[in-house]
Amino acid sequence: MASRIISSAARQIAVPMMKSSRFGAQRSFSAGMRLQDAAIAPVKKPVGAFRGGLFGFLLGTAGTGAGMYYYVLDEYKVSNELLTEDIYALQAAVQRIESYVRTLEEKVEASTKKK
């Protein structure tokens, strides 16, 4: 009879401990020395929508600006070459007109000396 009293007393103590956790008896796990010494990789934070959108906007703006810069630079070179060609053509035309005027002046001078 004494064994029944002791066993029932032990059950009464053990039952509240098992009911204390939601899923029955709770068991604690502990890592051994090998697992504790292992290096843990740092947790990467996900890039938020706002930061990702802002980064994408700035990257797109910088890319578009660089593309526009090189486009304008190329157009400037082309227009500069065309302007230089026009200047050389104008200079050649002026030299032809100047030589034509000299020829006319010489003819006028020669005709006035004959008279």
N, C-alpha and C. Protein backbone atom coordinates (compact mmCIF):
# COMPACT_ATOMS: atom_id res chain seq x y z
N MET A 1 0.80 -1.17 0.00
CA MET A 1 0.00 0.00 0.00
C MET A 1 0.86 1.25 0.00
N ALA A 2 1.93 1.21 0.63
CA ALA A 2 2.84 2.36 0.66
C ALA A 2 3.38 2.64 -0.73
N SER A 3 3.57 1.60 -1.50
CA SER A 3 4.08 1.82 -2.86
C SER A 3 3.05 2.52 -3.72
N ARG A 4 1.76 2.24 -3.46
CA ARG A 4 0.72 2.92 -4.22
C ARG A 4 0.66 4.40 -3.86
N ILE A 5 0.84 4.72 -2.65
CA ILE A 5 0.81 6.12 -2.21
C ILE A 5 2.00 6.87 -2.82
N ILE A 6 3.16 6.27 -2.82
CA ILE A 6 4.36 6.91 -3.38
C ILE A 6 4.23 7.05 -4.90
N SER A 7 3.75 6.02 -5.56
CA SER A 7 3.63 6.09 -7.02
C SER A 7 2.55 7.09 -7.43
N SER A 8 1.45 7.17 -6.66
CA SER A 8 0.41 8.15 -6.99
C SER A 8 0.91 9.56 -6.71
N ALA A 9 1.72 9.73 -5.69
CA ALA A 9 2.29 11.05 -5.39
C ALA A 9 3.27 11.46 -6.49
N ALA A 10 4.04 10.51 -6.99
CA ALA A 10 4.99 10.81 -8.07
C ALA A 10 4.24 11.17 -9.34
N ARG A 11 3.12 10.52 -9.61
CA ARG A 11 2.33 10.83 -10.79
C ARG A 11 1.73 12.23 -10.69
N GLN A 12 1.28 12.59 -9.51
CA GLN A 12 0.69 13.91 -9.34
C GLN A 12 1.72 15.02 -9.56
N ILE A 13 2.95 14.75 -9.23
CA ILE A 13 4.01 15.74 -9.45
C ILE A 13 4.39 15.76 -10.94
N ALA A 14 4.45 14.62 -11.59
CA ALA A 14 4.88 14.53 -12.99
C ALA A 14 3.82 15.05 -13.95
N VAL A 15 2.55 14.86 -13.67
CA VAL A 15 1.47 15.26 -14.59
C VAL A 15 1.45 16.77 -14.77
N PRO A 16 1.53 17.59 -13.76
CA PRO A 16 1.54 19.04 -14.01
C PRO A 16 2.76 19.48 -14.84
N MET A 17 3.88 18.81 -14.69
CA MET A 17 5.05 19.16 -15.49
C MET A 17 4.81 18.86 -16.97
N MET A 18 4.16 17.76 -17.26
CA MET A 18 3.90 17.39 -18.64
C MET A 18 2.81 18.28 -19.24
N LYS A 19 1.85 18.70 -18.45
CA LYS A 19 0.77 19.55 -18.93
C LYS A 19 1.22 21.00 -19.07
N SER A 20 2.37 21.34 -18.53
CA SER A 20 2.82 22.73 -18.59
C SER A 20 3.13 23.16 -20.02
N SER A 21 3.58 22.24 -20.83
CA SER A 21 3.82 22.60 -22.23
C SER A 21 2.60 22.27 -23.05
N ARG A 22 2.44 22.87 -24.14
CA ARG A 22 1.24 22.71 -24.95
C ARG A 22 1.21 21.35 -25.64
N PHE A 23 2.35 20.86 -26.08
CA PHE A 23 2.40 19.62 -26.82
C PHE A 23 2.95 18.47 -26.00
N GLY A 24 2.83 18.51 -24.73
CA GLY A 24 3.32 17.42 -23.90
C GLY A 24 4.65 17.80 -23.27
N ALA A 25 5.41 16.80 -22.96
CA ALA A 25 6.69 17.04 -22.29
C ALA A 25 7.61 17.81 -23.23
N GLN A 26 8.26 18.79 -22.70
CA GLN A 26 9.16 19.61 -23.49
C GLN A 26 10.58 19.14 -23.25
N ARG A 27 11.30 18.97 -24.33
CA ARG A 27 12.66 18.48 -24.22
C ARG A 27 13.60 19.57 -24.71
N SER A 28 14.62 19.82 -23.95
CA SER A 28 15.56 20.85 -24.37
C SER A 28 16.68 20.22 -25.19
N PHE A 29 17.04 20.88 -26.25
CA PHE A 29 18.13 20.40 -27.11
C PHE A 29 19.34 21.29 -26.90
N SER A 30 20.48 20.69 -26.87
CA SER A 30 21.70 21.48 -26.76
C SER A 30 22.68 20.97 -27.80
N ALA A 31 23.40 21.89 -28.39
CA ALA A 31 24.36 21.53 -29.44
C ALA A 31 25.66 21.08 -28.79
N GLY A 32 26.28 20.14 -29.43
CA GLY A 32 27.56 19.68 -28.93
C GLY A 32 28.65 20.69 -29.26
N MET A 33 29.84 20.44 -28.86
CA MET A 33 30.96 21.34 -29.09
C MET A 33 31.25 21.49 -30.58
N ARG A 34 31.06 20.44 -31.34
CA ARG A 34 31.36 20.51 -32.77
C ARG A 34 30.44 21.50 -33.47
N LEU A 35 29.15 21.47 -33.15
CA LEU A 35 28.21 22.37 -33.80
C LEU A 35 28.37 23.81 -33.32
N GLN A 36 28.76 24.00 -32.09
CA GLN A 36 28.93 25.35 -31.58
C GLN A 36 30.16 26.02 -32.18
N ASP A 37 31.16 25.25 -32.55
CA ASP A 37 32.38 25.82 -33.12
C ASP A 37 32.21 26.18 -34.60
N ALA A 38 31.19 25.64 -35.23
CA ALA A 38 31.00 25.91 -36.65
C ALA A 38 30.65 27.39 -36.86
N ALA A 39 31.17 27.96 -37.94
CA ALA A 39 30.91 29.36 -38.24
C ALA A 39 29.49 29.50 -38.78
N ILE A 40 28.80 30.50 -38.32
CA ILE A 40 27.43 30.76 -38.75
C ILE A 40 27.48 31.87 -39.78
N ALA A 41 26.87 31.64 -40.94
CA ALA A 41 26.85 32.65 -42.00
C ALA A 41 25.96 33.82 -41.57
N PRO A 42 26.36 35.04 -41.90
CA PRO A 42 25.53 36.19 -41.53
C PRO A 42 24.22 36.18 -42.30
N VAL A 43 23.18 36.62 -41.66
CA VAL A 43 21.86 36.64 -42.27
C VAL A 43 21.78 37.86 -43.18
N LYS A 44 21.40 37.63 -44.44
CA LYS A 44 21.28 38.74 -45.39
C LYS A 44 19.89 39.34 -45.28
N LYS A 45 19.86 40.65 -45.21
CA LYS A 45 18.57 41.32 -45.16
C LYS A 45 18.04 41.44 -46.59
N PRO A 46 16.78 41.17 -46.80
CA PRO A 46 16.23 41.35 -48.15
C PRO A 46 16.15 42.84 -48.48
N VAL A 47 16.41 43.17 -49.73
CA VAL A 47 16.33 44.56 -50.16
C VAL A 47 14.86 44.92 -50.27
N GLY A 48 14.48 45.97 -49.60
CA GLY A 48 13.08 46.37 -49.60
C GLY A 48 12.66 46.95 -50.93
N ALA A 49 11.38 47.05 -51.12
CA ALA A 49 10.85 47.57 -52.39
C ALA A 49 11.25 49.02 -52.58
N PHE A 50 11.23 49.80 -51.53
CA PHE A 50 11.59 51.22 -51.66
C PHE A 50 13.05 51.37 -52.01
N ARG A 51 13.93 50.66 -51.27
CA ARG A 51 15.36 50.76 -51.56
C ARG A 51 15.67 50.21 -52.93
N GLY A 52 15.04 49.10 -53.31
CA GLY A 52 15.27 48.52 -54.63
C GLY A 52 14.79 49.44 -55.74
N GLY A 53 13.63 50.04 -55.53
CA GLY A 53 13.10 50.98 -56.52
C GLY A 53 13.96 52.22 -56.65
N LEU A 54 14.42 52.73 -55.52
CA LEU A 54 15.28 53.91 -55.54
C LEU A 54 16.61 53.58 -56.20
N PHE A 55 17.17 52.43 -55.88
CA PHE A 55 18.43 52.01 -56.50
C PHE A 55 18.25 51.83 -58.00
N GLY A 56 17.17 51.21 -58.43
CA GLY A 56 16.89 51.02 -59.84
C GLY A 56 16.70 52.35 -60.56
N PHE A 57 16.00 53.28 -59.92
CA PHE A 57 15.79 54.59 -60.52
C PHE A 57 17.11 55.31 -60.70
N LEU A 58 17.95 55.31 -59.67
CA LEU A 58 19.25 55.99 -59.77
C LEU A 58 20.15 55.32 -60.79
N LEU A 59 20.13 53.99 -60.84
CA LEU A 59 20.94 53.28 -61.82
C LEU A 59 20.45 53.59 -63.24
N GLY A 60 19.15 53.61 -63.44
CA GLY A 60 18.60 53.94 -64.76
C GLY A 60 18.90 55.37 -65.16
N THR A 61 18.80 56.28 -64.21
CA THR A 61 19.09 57.69 -64.50
C THR A 61 20.54 57.88 -64.87
N ALA A 62 21.44 57.23 -64.13
CA ALA A 62 22.87 57.34 -64.43
C ALA A 62 23.19 56.72 -65.78
N GLY A 63 22.59 55.58 -66.08
CA GLY A 63 22.82 54.94 -67.39
C GLY A 63 22.30 55.78 -68.54
N THR A 64 21.11 56.34 -68.36
CA THR A 64 20.53 57.20 -69.39
C THR A 64 21.35 58.47 -69.57
N GLY A 65 21.82 59.04 -68.46
CA GLY A 65 22.66 60.24 -68.54
C GLY A 65 23.96 59.97 -69.27
N ALA A 66 24.58 58.83 -68.97
CA ALA A 66 25.83 58.48 -69.65
C ALA A 66 25.59 58.25 -71.14
N GLY A 67 24.51 57.55 -71.47
CA GLY A 67 24.17 57.32 -72.88
C GLY A 67 23.89 58.63 -73.60
N MET A 68 23.16 59.52 -72.94
CA MET A 68 22.85 60.82 -73.54
C MET A 68 24.11 61.65 -73.72
N TYR A 69 25.03 61.58 -72.78
CA TYR A 69 26.28 62.32 -72.88
C TYR A 69 27.06 61.88 -74.11
N TYR A 70 27.20 60.57 -74.30
CA TYR A 70 27.95 60.08 -75.45
C TYR A 70 27.22 60.36 -76.76
N TYR A 71 25.89 60.33 -76.76
CA TYR A 71 25.12 60.67 -77.95
C TYR A 71 25.35 62.13 -78.33
N VAL A 72 25.25 63.03 -77.34
CA VAL A 72 25.45 64.46 -77.61
C VAL A 72 26.89 64.72 -78.04
N LEU A 73 27.84 64.04 -77.43
CA LEU A 73 29.24 64.20 -77.80
C LEU A 73 29.46 63.77 -79.25
N ASP A 74 28.85 62.66 -79.65
CA ASP A 74 28.98 62.18 -81.03
C ASP A 74 28.33 63.17 -82.00
N GLU A 75 27.14 63.68 -81.67
CA GLU A 75 26.48 64.66 -82.51
C GLU A 75 27.31 65.94 -82.62
N TYR A 76 27.94 66.34 -81.53
CA TYR A 76 28.79 67.52 -81.54
C TYR A 76 29.97 67.33 -82.49
N LYS A 77 30.59 66.15 -82.45
CA LYS A 77 31.71 65.88 -83.34
C LYS A 77 31.28 65.92 -84.81
N VAL A 78 30.12 65.33 -85.10
CA VAL A 78 29.62 65.31 -86.48
C VAL A 78 29.33 66.73 -86.96
N SER A 79 28.64 67.50 -86.13
CA SER A 79 28.31 68.87 -86.54
C SER A 79 29.56 69.73 -86.65
N ASN A 80 30.54 69.50 -85.79
CA ASN A 80 31.80 70.24 -85.85
C ASN A 80 32.55 69.92 -87.15
N GLU A 81 32.55 68.64 -87.55
CA GLU A 81 33.20 68.26 -88.81
C GLU A 81 32.48 68.90 -90.00
N LEU A 82 31.15 68.91 -89.98
CA LEU A 82 30.39 69.54 -91.07
C LEU A 82 30.67 71.04 -91.14
N LEU A 83 30.74 71.69 -89.99
CA LEU A 83 31.02 73.11 -89.94
C LEU A 83 32.42 73.40 -90.47
N THR A 84 33.38 72.57 -90.10
CA THR A 84 34.75 72.74 -90.59
C THR A 84 34.81 72.58 -92.11
N GLU A 85 34.10 71.59 -92.64
CA GLU A 85 34.05 71.41 -94.09
C GLU A 85 33.43 72.63 -94.78
N ASP A 86 32.36 73.17 -94.19
CA ASP A 86 31.73 74.35 -94.76
C ASP A 86 32.67 75.56 -94.71
N ILE A 87 33.43 75.69 -93.66
CA ILE A 87 34.38 76.79 -93.55
C ILE A 87 35.45 76.67 -94.63
N TYR A 88 35.96 75.45 -94.82
CA TYR A 88 36.97 75.26 -95.87
C TYR A 88 36.39 75.52 -97.26
N ALA A 89 35.14 75.11 -97.48
CA ALA A 89 34.49 75.37 -98.78
C ALA A 89 34.30 76.87 -98.98
N LEU A 90 33.91 77.60 -97.92
CA LEU A 90 33.75 79.04 -98.00
C LEU A 90 35.08 79.73 -98.27
N GLN A 91 36.14 79.26 -97.62
CA GLN A 91 37.47 79.83 -97.84
C GLN A 91 37.92 79.61 -99.29
N ALA A 92 37.65 78.43 -99.84
CA ALA A 92 38.01 78.16 -101.24
C ALA A 92 37.21 79.05 -102.18
N ALA A 93 35.93 79.28 -101.88
CA ALA A 93 35.10 80.14 -102.72
C ALA A 93 35.59 81.58 -102.67
N VAL A 94 35.97 82.05 -101.49
CA VAL A 94 36.49 83.41 -101.34
C VAL A 94 37.79 83.57 -102.12
N GLN A 95 38.65 82.57 -102.07
CA GLN A 95 39.92 82.64 -102.82
C GLN A 95 39.66 82.67 -104.33
N ARG A 96 38.68 81.90 -104.80
CA ARG A 96 38.33 81.93 -106.23
C ARG A 96 37.80 83.29 -106.63
N ILE A 97 36.92 83.85 -105.81
CA ILE A 97 36.37 85.18 -106.10
C ILE A 97 37.48 86.23 -106.08
N GLU A 98 38.39 86.10 -105.12
CA GLU A 98 39.50 87.05 -105.03
C GLU A 98 40.39 86.98 -106.28
N SER A 99 40.67 85.79 -106.74
CA SER A 99 41.49 85.65 -107.96
C SER A 99 40.72 86.18 -109.18
N TYR A 100 39.41 85.97 -109.23
CA TYR A 100 38.60 86.46 -110.33
C TYR A 100 38.59 88.00 -110.34
N VAL A 101 38.47 88.59 -109.14
CA VAL A 101 38.47 90.06 -109.02
C VAL A 101 39.83 90.61 -109.44
N ARG A 102 40.93 89.98 -109.06
CA ARG A 102 42.27 90.42 -109.47
C ARG A 102 42.41 90.39 -111.00
N THR A 103 41.91 89.30 -111.57
CA THR A 103 41.96 89.19 -113.03
C THR A 103 41.18 90.32 -113.69
N LEU A 104 39.99 90.62 -113.16
CA LEU A 104 39.18 91.71 -113.71
C LEU A 104 39.88 93.07 -113.53
N GLU A 105 40.49 93.27 -112.36
CA GLU A 105 41.20 94.53 -112.12
C GLU A 105 42.37 94.69 -113.10
N GLU A 106 43.08 93.59 -113.34
CA GLU A 106 44.21 93.65 -114.27
C GLU A 106 43.72 93.96 -115.69
N LYS A 107 42.59 93.38 -116.07
CA LYS A 107 42.03 93.66 -117.40
C LYS A 107 41.58 95.10 -117.52
N VAL A 108 40.96 95.63 -116.45
CA VAL A 108 40.50 97.02 -116.46
C VAL A 108 41.71 97.96 -116.53
N GLU A 109 42.76 97.63 -115.77
CA GLU A 109 43.98 98.45 -115.79
C GLU A 109 44.64 98.43 -117.17
N ALA A 110 44.68 97.26 -117.77
CA ALA A 110 45.29 97.14 -119.10
C ALA A 110 44.47 97.89 -120.13
N SER A 111 43.16 97.87 -120.03
CA SER A 111 42.32 98.58 -121.00
C SER A 111 42.43 100.10 -120.82
N THR A 112 42.61 100.59 -119.60
CA THR A 112 42.75 102.03 -119.36
C THR A 112 44.12 102.53 -119.83
N LYS A 113 45.17 101.71 -119.80
CA LYS A 113 46.49 102.11 -120.24
C LYS A 113 46.54 102.21 -121.76
N LYS A 114 45.76 101.41 -122.46
CA LYS A 114 45.73 101.43 -123.92
C LYS A 114 45.11 102.71 -124.44
N LYS A 115 44.25 103.29 -123.78
CA LYS A 115 43.55 104.47 -124.27
C LYS A 115 44.39 105.65 -124.09
